[in-house]
Amino acid sequence: MAFLLLGIVLLVLKIADIGAVAGWSWWIVLAPFALAVAWWGLSDKLGLTQRRAMEQMERKKDSRRQRNLEALGLGQRRERKARHAKDFQASQTQRRAVKDPTHAD
């Protein structure tokens, strides 16, 4: 992507005759486009593009699964509520113990 953006900037500068780029050879100005094509071909050949697409699909699948679990009441919120209820129960037991020292659970 960087090669493509660089190529576009150099092309605009060359066509508009701005700065030092106006005097450069067309081969130099168009070289980033060739590098972009080479990079895309290499990344496809090495499997980088497919790997990134699979990682993105996994992230979407995980977020959808988490959203569905929470909608069913089985996600992290349920665990938090259970932990909160357990802590609340423990605090109530401690209060009773302080009020009534003979009370044993």
C-alpha atoms as a PDB file:
ATOM      1  CA  MET A   1       0.000   0.000   0.000  1.00  0.00           C
ATOM      2  CA  ALA A   2       2.867   2.354   0.777  1.00  0.00           C
ATOM      3  CA  PHE A   3       4.364   1.787  -2.678  1.00  0.00           C
ATOM      4  CA  LEU A   4       1.011   2.612  -4.261  1.00  0.00           C
ATOM      5  CA  LEU A   5       0.612   5.840  -2.262  1.00  0.00           C
ATOM      6  CA  LEU A   6       4.190   6.870  -3.056  1.00  0.00           C
ATOM      7  CA  GLY A   7       3.580   6.188  -6.740  1.00  0.00           C
ATOM      8  CA  ILE A   8       0.427   8.305  -6.761  1.00  0.00           C
ATOM      9  CA  VAL A   9       2.200  11.213  -5.034  1.00  0.00           C
ATOM     10  CA  LEU A  10       5.143  11.054  -7.439  1.00  0.00           C
ATOM     11  CA  LEU A  11       2.807  10.803 -10.436  1.00  0.00           C
ATOM     12  CA  VAL A  12       0.825  13.863  -9.332  1.00  0.00           C
ATOM     13  CA  LEU A  13       4.029  15.819  -8.724  1.00  0.00           C
ATOM     14  CA  LYS A  14       5.423  14.802 -12.140  1.00  0.00           C
ATOM     15  CA  ILE A  15       2.235  15.707 -14.036  1.00  0.00           C
ATOM     16  CA  ALA A  16       1.872  19.025 -12.181  1.00  0.00           C
ATOM     17  CA  ASP A  17       5.585  19.847 -12.745  1.00  0.00           C
ATOM     18  CA  ILE A  18       6.152  20.481  -9.044  1.00  0.00           C
ATOM     19  CA  GLY A  19       9.576  20.452  -7.404  1.00  0.00           C
ATOM     20  CA  ALA A  20      12.463  18.220  -8.314  1.00  0.00           C
ATOM     21  CA  VAL A  21      10.136  15.405  -9.389  1.00  0.00           C
ATOM     22  CA  ALA A  22       9.309  17.372 -12.554  1.00  0.00           C
ATOM     23  CA  GLY A  23      12.829  16.713 -13.855  1.00  0.00           C
ATOM     24  CA  TRP A  24      12.917  13.011 -12.947  1.00  0.00           C
ATOM     25  CA  SER A  25      12.639  10.249 -15.503  1.00  0.00           C
ATOM     26  CA  TRP A  26       9.258   8.591 -15.967  1.00  0.00           C
ATOM     27  CA  TRP A  27      10.894   5.274 -15.057  1.00  0.00           C
ATOM     28  CA  ILE A  28      11.703   6.564 -11.575  1.00  0.00           C
ATOM     29  CA  VAL A  29       8.234   8.043 -11.130  1.00  0.00           C
ATOM     30  CA  LEU A  30       6.477   4.808 -12.175  1.00  0.00           C
ATOM     31  CA  ALA A  31       8.850   2.458 -10.293  1.00  0.00           C
ATOM     32  CA  PRO A  32       6.739   2.426  -7.063  1.00  0.00           C
ATOM     33  CA  PHE A  33       3.811   0.983  -9.049  1.00  0.00           C
ATOM     34  CA  ALA A  34       6.008  -1.885 -10.255  1.00  0.00           C
ATOM     35  CA  LEU A  35       7.232  -2.434  -6.688  1.00  0.00           C
ATOM     36  CA  ALA A  36       3.633  -2.520  -5.465  1.00  0.00           C
ATOM     37  CA  VAL A  37       2.734  -5.190  -8.031  1.00  0.00           C
ATOM     38  CA  ALA A  38       5.833  -7.200  -7.056  1.00  0.00           C
ATOM     39  CA  TRP A  39       4.988  -6.927  -3.360  1.00  0.00           C
ATOM     40  CA  TRP A  40       1.389  -8.055  -3.894  1.00  0.00           C
ATOM     41  CA  GLY A  41       2.584 -11.015  -5.936  1.00  0.00           C
ATOM     42  CA  LEU A  42       5.127 -11.978  -3.282  1.00  0.00           C
ATOM     43  CA  SER A  43       2.659 -11.645  -0.407  1.00  0.00           C
ATOM     44  CA  ASP A  44       0.134 -13.803  -2.284  1.00  0.00           C
ATOM     45  CA  LYS A  45       2.792 -16.396  -3.032  1.00  0.00           C
ATOM     46  CA  LEU A  46       3.929 -16.508   0.615  1.00  0.00           C
ATOM     47  CA  GLY A  47       0.326 -16.735   1.833  1.00  0.00           C
ATOM     48  CA  LEU A  48       0.370 -13.478   3.800  1.00  0.00           C
ATOM     49  CA  THR A  49      -2.849 -12.220   2.226  1.00  0.00           C
ATOM     50  CA  GLN A  50      -4.734 -15.446   2.963  1.00  0.00           C
ATOM     51  CA  ARG A  51      -3.375 -15.595   6.514  1.00  0.00           C
ATOM     52  CA  ARG A  52      -4.530 -12.046   7.230  1.00  0.00           C
ATOM     53  CA  ALA A  53      -7.973 -12.808   5.806  1.00  0.00           C
ATOM     54  CA  MET A  54      -8.243 -15.930   7.975  1.00  0.00           C
ATOM     55  CA  GLU A  55      -7.184 -14.008  11.110  1.00  0.00           C
ATOM     56  CA  GLN A  56      -9.779 -11.333  10.400  1.00  0.00           C
ATOM     57  CA  MET A  57     -12.452 -14.000   9.903  1.00  0.00           C
ATOM     58  CA  GLU A  58     -11.467 -15.639  13.224  1.00  0.00           C
ATOM     59  CA  ARG A  59     -11.753 -12.292  15.033  1.00  0.00           C
ATOM     60  CA  LYS A  60     -15.225 -11.748  13.569  1.00  0.00           C
ATOM     61  CA  LYS A  61     -16.268 -15.282  14.492  1.00  0.00           C
ATOM     62  CA  ASP A  62     -15.015 -14.883  18.072  1.00  0.00           C
ATOM     63  CA  SER A  63     -16.784 -11.557  18.533  1.00  0.00           C
ATOM     64  CA  ARG A  64     -20.020 -13.014  17.108  1.00  0.00           C
ATOM     65  CA  ARG A  65     -19.725 -16.034  19.424  1.00  0.00           C
ATOM     66  CA  GLN A  66     -19.110 -13.783  22.444  1.00  0.00           C
ATOM     67  CA  ARG A  67     -22.043 -11.538  21.504  1.00  0.00           C
ATOM     68  CA  ASN A  68     -24.345 -14.572  21.184  1.00  0.00           C
ATOM     69  CA  LEU A  69     -23.180 -16.023  24.515  1.00  0.00           C
ATOM     70  CA  GLU A  70     -23.851 -12.730  26.244  1.00  0.00           C
ATOM     71  CA  ALA A  71     -27.295 -12.561  24.614  1.00  0.00           C
ATOM     72  CA  LEU A  72     -28.024 -15.996  26.087  1.00  0.00           C
ATOM     73  CA  GLY A  73     -26.668 -14.925  29.468  1.00  0.00           C
ATOM     74  CA  LEU A  74     -23.681 -17.267  29.295  1.00  0.00           C
ATOM     75  CA  GLY A  75     -20.848 -14.852  28.579  1.00  0.00           C
ATOM     76  CA  GLN A  76     -18.409 -12.941  30.747  1.00  0.00           C
ATOM     77  CA  ARG A  77     -21.193 -10.892  32.277  1.00  0.00           C
ATOM     78  CA  ARG A  78     -22.660 -14.039  33.807  1.00  0.00           C
ATOM     79  CA  GLU A  79     -19.286 -14.925  35.319  1.00  0.00           C
ATOM     80  CA  ARG A  80     -18.968 -11.397  36.710  1.00  0.00           C
ATOM     81  CA  LYS A  81     -22.469 -11.585  38.215  1.00  0.00           C
ATOM     82  CA  ALA A  82     -21.693 -14.944  39.811  1.00  0.00           C
ATOM     83  CA  ARG A  83     -18.444 -13.606  41.255  1.00  0.00           C
ATOM     84  CA  HIS A  84     -20.249 -10.508  42.535  1.00  0.00           C
ATOM     85  CA  ALA A  85     -22.966 -12.655  44.137  1.00  0.00           C
ATOM     86  CA  LYS A  86     -20.323 -14.822  45.806  1.00  0.00           C
ATOM     87  CA  ASP A  87     -18.507 -11.741  47.143  1.00  0.00           C
ATOM     88  CA  PHE A  88     -21.801 -10.286  48.365  1.00  0.00           C
ATOM     89  CA  GLN A  89     -22.683 -13.509  50.138  1.00  0.00           C
ATOM     90  CA  ALA A  90     -19.258 -13.598  51.798  1.00  0.00           C
ATOM     91  CA  SER A  91     -19.646 -10.017  52.993  1.00  0.00           C
ATOM     92  CA  GLN A  92     -23.093 -10.795  54.422  1.00  0.00           C
ATOM     93  CA  THR A  93     -21.656 -13.774  56.281  1.00  0.00           C
ATOM     94  CA  GLN A  94     -18.918 -11.560  57.721  1.00  0.00           C
ATOM     95  CA  ARG A  95     -21.490  -9.002  58.869  1.00  0.00           C
ATOM     96  CA  ARG A  96     -23.527 -11.683  60.614  1.00  0.00           C
ATOM     97  CA  ALA A  97     -20.383 -12.989  62.296  1.00  0.00           C
ATOM     98  CA  VAL A  98     -19.584  -9.517  63.593  1.00  0.00           C
ATOM     99  CA  LYS A  99     -23.136  -8.964  64.886  1.00  0.00           C
ATOM    100  CA  ASP A 100     -23.530 -12.434  66.341  1.00  0.00           C
ATOM    101  CA  PRO A 101     -20.196 -14.047  67.279  1.00  0.00           C
ATOM    102  CA  THR A 102     -21.947 -17.301  68.286  1.00  0.00           C
ATOM    103  CA  HIS A 103     -23.381 -17.728  64.788  1.00  0.00           C
ATOM    104  CA  ALA A 104     -21.457 -20.309  62.786  1.00  0.00           C
ATOM    105  CA  ASP A 105     -22.059 -21.297  59.183  1.00  0.00           C
END
